[in-house]
C-alpha atoms as a PDB file:
ATOM      1  CA  MET A   1       0.029   0.118  -0.055  1.00  0.00           C
ATOM      2  CA  GLY A   2       1.251   3.481  -1.097  1.00  0.00           C
ATOM      3  CA  ARG A   3       1.791   6.471   1.455  1.00  0.00           C
ATOM      4  CA  GLN A   4      -1.288   8.535   1.468  1.00  0.00           C
ATOM      5  CA  GLN A   5      -0.705  12.159   1.421  1.00  0.00           C
ATOM      6  CA  SER A   6      -2.201  14.295   4.191  1.00  0.00           C
ATOM      7  CA  PHE A   7      -3.326  17.705   3.434  1.00  0.00           C
ATOM      8  CA  ARG A   8      -4.158  20.021   6.105  1.00  0.00           C
ATOM      9  CA  ARG A   9      -6.548  23.154   5.253  1.00  0.00           C
ATOM     10  CA  ALA A  10      -5.173  26.743   6.654  1.00  0.00           C
ATOM     11  CA  ASP A  11      -7.189  27.130  10.205  1.00  0.00           C
ATOM     12  CA  PRO A  12      -9.977  29.457   9.212  1.00  0.00           C
ATOM     13  CA  ASP A  13      -8.779  32.310  11.894  1.00  0.00           C
ATOM     14  CA  GLN A  14      -5.291  31.917   9.871  1.00  0.00           C
ATOM     15  CA  ARG A  15      -6.926  32.523   6.428  1.00  0.00           C
ATOM     16  CA  ARG A  16      -8.809  35.336   7.784  1.00  0.00           C
ATOM     17  CA  GLN A  17      -5.900  36.876   9.646  1.00  0.00           C
ATOM     18  CA  SER A  18      -3.703  36.529   6.268  1.00  0.00           C
ATOM     19  CA  LEU A  19      -6.148  38.451   4.652  1.00  0.00           C
ATOM     20  CA  VAL A  20      -6.264  41.040   7.088  1.00  0.00           C
ATOM     21  CA  GLU A  21      -2.384  41.305   6.556  1.00  0.00           C
ATOM     22  CA  ALA A  22      -2.240  41.167   2.727  1.00  0.00           C
ATOM     23  CA  THR A  23      -4.981  44.288   2.890  1.00  0.00           C
ATOM     24  CA  ALA A  24      -2.455  46.248   4.904  1.00  0.00           C
ATOM     25  CA  ARG A  25       0.175  45.458   2.407  1.00  0.00           C
ATOM     26  CA  CYS A  26      -1.833  46.265  -0.543  1.00  0.00           C
ATOM     27  CA  LEU A  27      -2.891  49.611   1.432  1.00  0.00           C
ATOM     28  CA  ALA A  28       0.959  50.336   1.690  1.00  0.00           C
ATOM     29  CA  LEU A  29       1.593  49.330  -1.623  1.00  0.00           C
ATOM     30  CA  HIS A  30      -1.280  50.539  -4.063  1.00  0.00           C
ATOM     31  CA  GLY A  31      -3.197  53.138  -1.851  1.00  0.00           C
ATOM     32  CA  ALA A  32      -6.733  53.006  -1.212  1.00  0.00           C
ATOM     33  CA  GLY A  33      -7.648  53.227  -4.694  1.00  0.00           C
ATOM     34  CA  GLY A  34      -5.585  50.290  -5.370  1.00  0.00           C
ATOM     35  CA  THR A  35      -6.672  47.729  -3.247  1.00  0.00           C
ATOM     36  CA  SER A  36      -9.297  45.670  -4.721  1.00  0.00           C
ATOM     37  CA  VAL A  37     -10.558  42.055  -3.621  1.00  0.00           C
ATOM     38  CA  ARG A  38      -8.462  40.694  -6.487  1.00  0.00           C
ATOM     39  CA  THR A  39      -5.063  42.803  -4.937  1.00  0.00           C
ATOM     40  CA  ILE A  40      -5.898  41.561  -1.366  1.00  0.00           C
ATOM     41  CA  CYS A  41      -6.282  37.901  -2.666  1.00  0.00           C
ATOM     42  CA  ALA A  42      -3.593  38.043  -4.862  1.00  0.00           C
ATOM     43  CA  ALA A  43      -1.105  39.104  -2.130  1.00  0.00           C
ATOM     44  CA  ALA A  44      -2.560  36.628   0.451  1.00  0.00           C
ATOM     45  CA  GLY A  45      -2.384  33.883  -2.435  1.00  0.00           C
ATOM     46  CA  VAL A  46      -5.735  32.891  -2.490  1.00  0.00           C
ATOM     47  CA  SER A  47      -8.573  32.368  -4.650  1.00  0.00           C
ATOM     48  CA  ALA A  48     -10.819  35.915  -5.370  1.00  0.00           C
ATOM     49  CA  GLY A  49     -13.698  34.618  -3.780  1.00  0.00           C
ATOM     50  CA  LEU A  50     -12.057  33.559  -0.169  1.00  0.00           C
ATOM     51  CA  LEU A  51     -12.285  37.306   0.904  1.00  0.00           C
ATOM     52  CA  ARG A  52     -15.606  37.760   0.711  1.00  0.00           C
ATOM     53  CA  HIS A  53     -16.304  34.409   2.732  1.00  0.00           C
ATOM     54  CA  TYR A  54     -14.935  36.473   5.621  1.00  0.00           C
ATOM     55  CA  PHE A  55     -15.684  40.062   5.003  1.00  0.00           C
ATOM     56  CA  GLY A  56     -18.652  41.853   3.465  1.00  0.00           C
ATOM     57  CA  GLY A  57     -16.438  43.593   0.903  1.00  0.00           C
ATOM     58  CA  VAL A  58     -13.050  45.364   0.724  1.00  0.00           C
ATOM     59  CA  SER A  59     -13.924  48.298   3.381  1.00  0.00           C
ATOM     60  CA  GLU A  60     -14.715  45.524   6.115  1.00  0.00           C
ATOM     61  CA  ALA A  61     -11.470  44.072   5.493  1.00  0.00           C
ATOM     62  CA  ILE A  62      -9.622  47.801   5.213  1.00  0.00           C
ATOM     63  CA  GLY A  63     -11.167  48.199   8.870  1.00  0.00           C
ATOM     64  CA  GLU A  64      -9.817  44.995   9.954  1.00  0.00           C
ATOM     65  CA  ALA A  65      -6.555  45.942   8.639  1.00  0.00           C
ATOM     66  CA  TYR A  66      -6.882  49.085   9.932  1.00  0.00           C
ATOM     67  CA  ARG A  67      -7.943  47.741  13.671  1.00  0.00           C
ATOM     68  CA  TRP A  68      -4.696  44.942  13.448  1.00  0.00           C
ATOM     69  CA  THR A  69      -2.284  47.515  12.486  1.00  0.00           C
ATOM     70  CA  GLY A  70      -3.718  50.058  15.075  1.00  0.00           C
ATOM     71  CA  ASN A  71      -3.450  46.997  18.003  1.00  0.00           C
ATOM     72  CA  ARG A  72       0.382  46.649  16.375  1.00  0.00           C
ATOM     73  CA  VAL A  73       1.372  49.961  17.126  1.00  0.00           C
ATOM     74  CA  ALA A  74      -0.728  49.862  20.505  1.00  0.00           C
ATOM     75  CA  GLY A  75       1.488  46.753  21.593  1.00  0.00           C
ATOM     76  CA  ALA A  76       4.772  48.584  20.908  1.00  0.00           C
ATOM     77  CA  LEU A  77       4.114  51.272  22.846  1.00  0.00           C
ATOM     78  CA  ALA A  78       2.768  49.170  26.036  1.00  0.00           C
ATOM     79  CA  GLN A  79       6.188  47.358  25.542  1.00  0.00           C
ATOM     80  CA  ALA A  80       8.234  50.791  25.285  1.00  0.00           C
ATOM     81  CA  VAL A  81       6.128  51.537  28.421  1.00  0.00           C
ATOM     82  CA  ALA A  82       6.814  48.359  30.463  1.00  0.00           C
ATOM     83  CA  GLY A  83      10.712  48.889  29.711  1.00  0.00           C
ATOM     84  CA  ALA A  84      10.792  52.243  31.024  1.00  0.00           C
ATOM     85  CA  GLY A  85      10.541  51.226  34.557  1.00  0.00           C
ATOM     86  CA  ALA A  86       8.101  52.320  37.357  1.00  0.00           C
ATOM     87  CA  ASP A  87       8.739  56.304  37.215  1.00  0.00           C
ATOM     88  CA  PRO A  88       5.935  57.832  35.859  1.00  0.00           C
ATOM     89  CA  ARG A  89       7.993  60.567  33.613  1.00  0.00           C
ATOM     90  CA  ALA A  90      10.184  57.901  32.399  1.00  0.00           C
ATOM     91  CA  ARG A  91       6.882  55.826  31.172  1.00  0.00           C
ATOM     92  CA  LEU A  92       5.377  58.879  29.298  1.00  0.00           C
ATOM     93  CA  LEU A  93       8.590  59.625  27.715  1.00  0.00           C
ATOM     94  CA  ALA A  94       8.866  56.055  26.366  1.00  0.00           C
ATOM     95  CA  TYR A  95       5.053  56.417  25.192  1.00  0.00           C
ATOM     96  CA  VAL A  96       6.205  59.371  23.336  1.00  0.00           C
ATOM     97  CA  THR A  97       9.191  58.614  21.689  1.00  0.00           C
ATOM     98  CA  ALA A  98       8.189  55.073  21.123  1.00  0.00           C
ATOM     99  CA  SER A  99       7.087  56.547  17.367  1.00  0.00           C
ATOM    100  CA  PHE A 100      10.450  57.507  16.578  1.00  0.00           C
ATOM    101  CA  ARG A 101      11.581  53.954  16.196  1.00  0.00           C
ATOM    102  CA  PRO A 102      11.077  50.649  14.600  1.00  0.00           C
ATOM    103  CA  PRO A 103       8.355  49.173  14.391  1.00  0.00           C
ATOM    104  CA  ILE A 104       6.752  52.371  14.423  1.00  0.00           C
ATOM    105  CA  ALA A 105       8.775  54.431  12.394  1.00  0.00           C
ATOM    106  CA  ASP A 106       8.606  52.385   9.352  1.00  0.00           C
ATOM    107  CA  PRO A 107       7.961  53.345   5.677  1.00  0.00           C
ATOM    108  CA  GLU A 108       5.404  50.783   5.129  1.00  0.00           C
ATOM    109  CA  LEU A 109       3.496  51.230   8.243  1.00  0.00           C
ATOM    110  CA  LEU A 110       3.260  55.123   7.259  1.00  0.00           C
ATOM    111  CA  ALA A 111       2.160  54.343   3.727  1.00  0.00           C
ATOM    112  CA  THR A 112      -0.482  51.925   5.344  1.00  0.00           C
ATOM    113  CA  TRP A 113      -1.519  54.734   7.646  1.00  0.00           C
ATOM    114  CA  LEU A 114      -1.706  57.048   4.868  1.00  0.00           C
ATOM    115  CA  ALA A 115      -4.306  55.015   3.161  1.00  0.00           C
ATOM    116  CA  PHE A 116      -6.197  54.566   6.254  1.00  0.00           C
ATOM    117  CA  TRP A 117      -6.071  58.553   6.753  1.00  0.00           C
ATOM    118  CA  SER A 118      -7.208  58.923   3.162  1.00  0.00           C
ATOM    119  CA  MET A 119     -10.423  57.141   3.707  1.00  0.00           C
ATOM    120  CA  THR A 120     -11.643  58.670   6.938  1.00  0.00           C
ATOM    121  CA  ARG A 121     -13.583  61.731   5.399  1.00  0.00           C
ATOM    122  CA  VAL A 122     -15.125  59.098   2.421  1.00  0.00           C
ATOM    123  CA  ASP A 123     -15.884  55.881   4.698  1.00  0.00           C
ATOM    124  CA  PRO A 124     -17.917  56.608   7.630  1.00  0.00           C
ATOM    125  CA  ALA A 125     -17.024  53.030   9.524  1.00  0.00           C
ATOM    126  CA  ILE A 126     -13.166  54.229   8.775  1.00  0.00           C
ATOM    127  CA  GLY A 127     -13.506  57.548   9.905  1.00  0.00           C
ATOM    128  CA  ALA A 128     -15.352  56.115  13.464  1.00  0.00           C
ATOM    129  CA  LEU A 129     -12.480  53.467  13.731  1.00  0.00           C
ATOM    130  CA  HIS A 130     -10.141  55.939  13.227  1.00  0.00           C
ATOM    131  CA  ALA A 131     -11.587  58.151  16.267  1.00  0.00           C
ATOM    132  CA  GLU A 132     -11.591  55.109  18.126  1.00  0.00           C
ATOM    133  CA  ILE A 133      -7.755  54.030  17.617  1.00  0.00           C
ATOM    134  CA  TYR A 134      -6.609  57.777  18.035  1.00  0.00           C
ATOM    135  CA  GLY A 135      -8.828  58.416  21.067  1.00  0.00           C
ATOM    136  CA  GLU A 136      -7.366  55.249  22.512  1.00  0.00           C
ATOM    137  CA  PHE A 137      -3.578  56.582  21.860  1.00  0.00           C
ATOM    138  CA  ARG A 138      -4.511  60.248  23.490  1.00  0.00           C
ATOM    139  CA  GLY A 139      -6.542  58.462  26.080  1.00  0.00           C
ATOM    140  CA  GLY A 140      -2.769  56.466  26.925  1.00  0.00           C
ATOM    141  CA  ILE A 141      -1.211  59.728  26.893  1.00  0.00           C
ATOM    142  CA  GLU A 142      -3.549  61.281  29.177  1.00  0.00           C
ATOM    143  CA  ALA A 143      -3.335  58.319  31.729  1.00  0.00           C
ATOM    144  CA  LEU A 144       0.578  58.704  31.717  1.00  0.00           C
ATOM    145  CA  ILE A 145       0.223  62.783  32.049  1.00  0.00           C
ATOM    146  CA  ARG A 146      -2.212  61.860  35.118  1.00  0.00           C
ATOM    147  CA  ALA A 147       0.615  59.729  36.650  1.00  0.00           C
ATOM    148  CA  CYS A 148       3.036  62.383  36.212  1.00  0.00           C
ATOM    149  CA  ARG A 149       1.306  65.367  37.230  1.00  0.00           C
ATOM    150  CA  PRO A 150      -1.873  64.390  39.398  1.00  0.00           C
ATOM    151  CA  ASP A 151      -2.572  68.093  40.359  1.00  0.00           C
ATOM    152  CA  LEU A 152      -3.239  68.848  36.689  1.00  0.00           C
ATOM    153  CA  ALA A 153      -6.500  69.370  36.062  1.00  0.00           C
ATOM    154  CA  ASP A 154      -6.721  69.377  32.123  1.00  0.00           C
ATOM    155  CA  THR A 155      -5.058  66.690  30.716  1.00  0.00           C
ATOM    156  CA  ARG A 156      -6.957  66.654  27.274  1.00  0.00           C
ATOM    157  CA  LEU A 157      -4.847  69.640  25.860  1.00  0.00           C
ATOM    158  CA  PRO A 158      -1.654  68.282  26.662  1.00  0.00           C
ATOM    159  CA  ALA A 159      -2.324  64.815  25.070  1.00  0.00           C
ATOM    160  CA  VAL A 160      -3.310  66.644  22.191  1.00  0.00           C
ATOM    161  CA  ALA A 161      -0.146  68.930  21.789  1.00  0.00           C
ATOM    162  CA  LEU A 162       1.876  65.540  22.446  1.00  0.00           C
ATOM    163  CA  THR A 163      -0.306  63.684  19.781  1.00  0.00           C
ATOM    164  CA  ALA A 164       0.631  66.548  17.330  1.00  0.00           C
ATOM    165  CA  LEU A 165       4.464  66.729  17.820  1.00  0.00           C
ATOM    166  CA  ILE A 166       4.542  63.008  17.570  1.00  0.00           C
ATOM    167  CA  ASP A 167       2.626  62.542  14.434  1.00  0.00           C
ATOM    168  CA  GLY A 168       4.694  65.126  12.865  1.00  0.00           C
ATOM    169  CA  LEU A 169       8.086  64.045  13.888  1.00  0.00           C
ATOM    170  CA  TRP A 170       6.793  60.340  12.946  1.00  0.00           C
ATOM    171  CA  LEU A 171       5.500  61.273   9.537  1.00  0.00           C
ATOM    172  CA  GLU A 172       8.969  62.789   9.023  1.00  0.00           C
ATOM    173  CA  LEU A 173      11.039  60.107  10.421  1.00  0.00           C
ATOM    174  CA  SER A 174       8.932  57.540   8.538  1.00  0.00           C
ATOM    175  CA  LEU A 175       9.304  59.246   5.038  1.00  0.00           C
ATOM    176  CA  GLY A 176      12.927  58.814   5.511  1.00  0.00           C
ATOM    177  CA  GLN A 177      15.987  61.796   5.208  1.00  0.00           C
ATOM    178  CA  ALA A 178      14.467  63.569   7.751  1.00  0.00           C
ATOM    179  CA  PRO A 179      16.415  66.793   8.753  1.00  0.00           C
ATOM    180  CA  PHE A 180      16.992  65.354  12.233  1.00  0.00           C
ATOM    181  CA  THR A 181      17.574  61.848  13.784  1.00  0.00           C
ATOM    182  CA  PRO A 182      15.368  59.770  16.408  1.00  0.00           C
ATOM    183  CA  GLU A 183      17.583  61.097  19.205  1.00  0.00           C
ATOM    184  CA  GLU A 184      16.985  64.578  18.005  1.00  0.00           C
ATOM    185  CA  ALA A 185      13.420  63.725  17.862  1.00  0.00           C
ATOM    186  CA  GLU A 186      13.626  62.273  21.040  1.00  0.00           C
ATOM    187  CA  ALA A 187      15.254  65.209  22.767  1.00  0.00           C
ATOM    188  CA  LEU A 188      12.693  67.498  21.207  1.00  0.00           C
ATOM    189  CA  ALA A 189       9.875  65.589  22.362  1.00  0.00           C
ATOM    190  CA  GLU A 190      11.402  65.619  25.937  1.00  0.00           C
ATOM    191  CA  LYS A 191      12.175  69.252  25.960  1.00  0.00           C
ATOM    192  CA  TRP A 192       8.435  69.689  24.770  1.00  0.00           C
ATOM    193  CA  LEU A 193       6.583  67.471  27.291  1.00  0.00           C
ATOM    194  CA  ASP A 194       8.642  69.055  30.142  1.00  0.00           C
ATOM    195  CA  ALA A 195       7.492  72.868  29.142  1.00  0.00           C
ATOM    196  CA  LEU A 196       4.038  71.554  28.822  1.00  0.00           C
ATOM    197  CA  LEU A 197       3.808  69.850  32.350  1.00  0.00           C
ATOM    198  CA  CYS A 198       5.797  72.698  33.931  1.00  0.00           C
END
């Protein structure tokens, strides 16, 4: 008797995740306008019908890719904070400056975010998800500010200001050939942070 070849189908969760990751890659390569069922499925190495098996359409797949990407960034931020020890200022500074280094300061991640941002005004579901993800990010900054300065009445505006600073510096670093180094970005953020919290 010959040996029977055994075939294993990919786990449905793995197939779904591969489509989510392929969607993020397509957004980075082709932008929102060039991301379609065909390009996503080709990037995932699956038949075109499989996307509709797991998602209601491209927009839903993009939403899941946005959530997955946001979770990856949140994980990198949490890891940076955990590595900063117990000092509240060090933890806040770690959260703020983690965006200036990989895996967050990354050209492909930037390209994916730009595609997400381009959709926030035209797709209400993506717009709501954007508000949620950025709200969680600012909430993280606010919580760390409160730990640093429990006497501070308003943590919202300092968090908004720090978010704007982070986004600007992150954008320049991720584009490449920024007129400053990651170390200079960190020093600038630290000075800004101290000025805001004095």
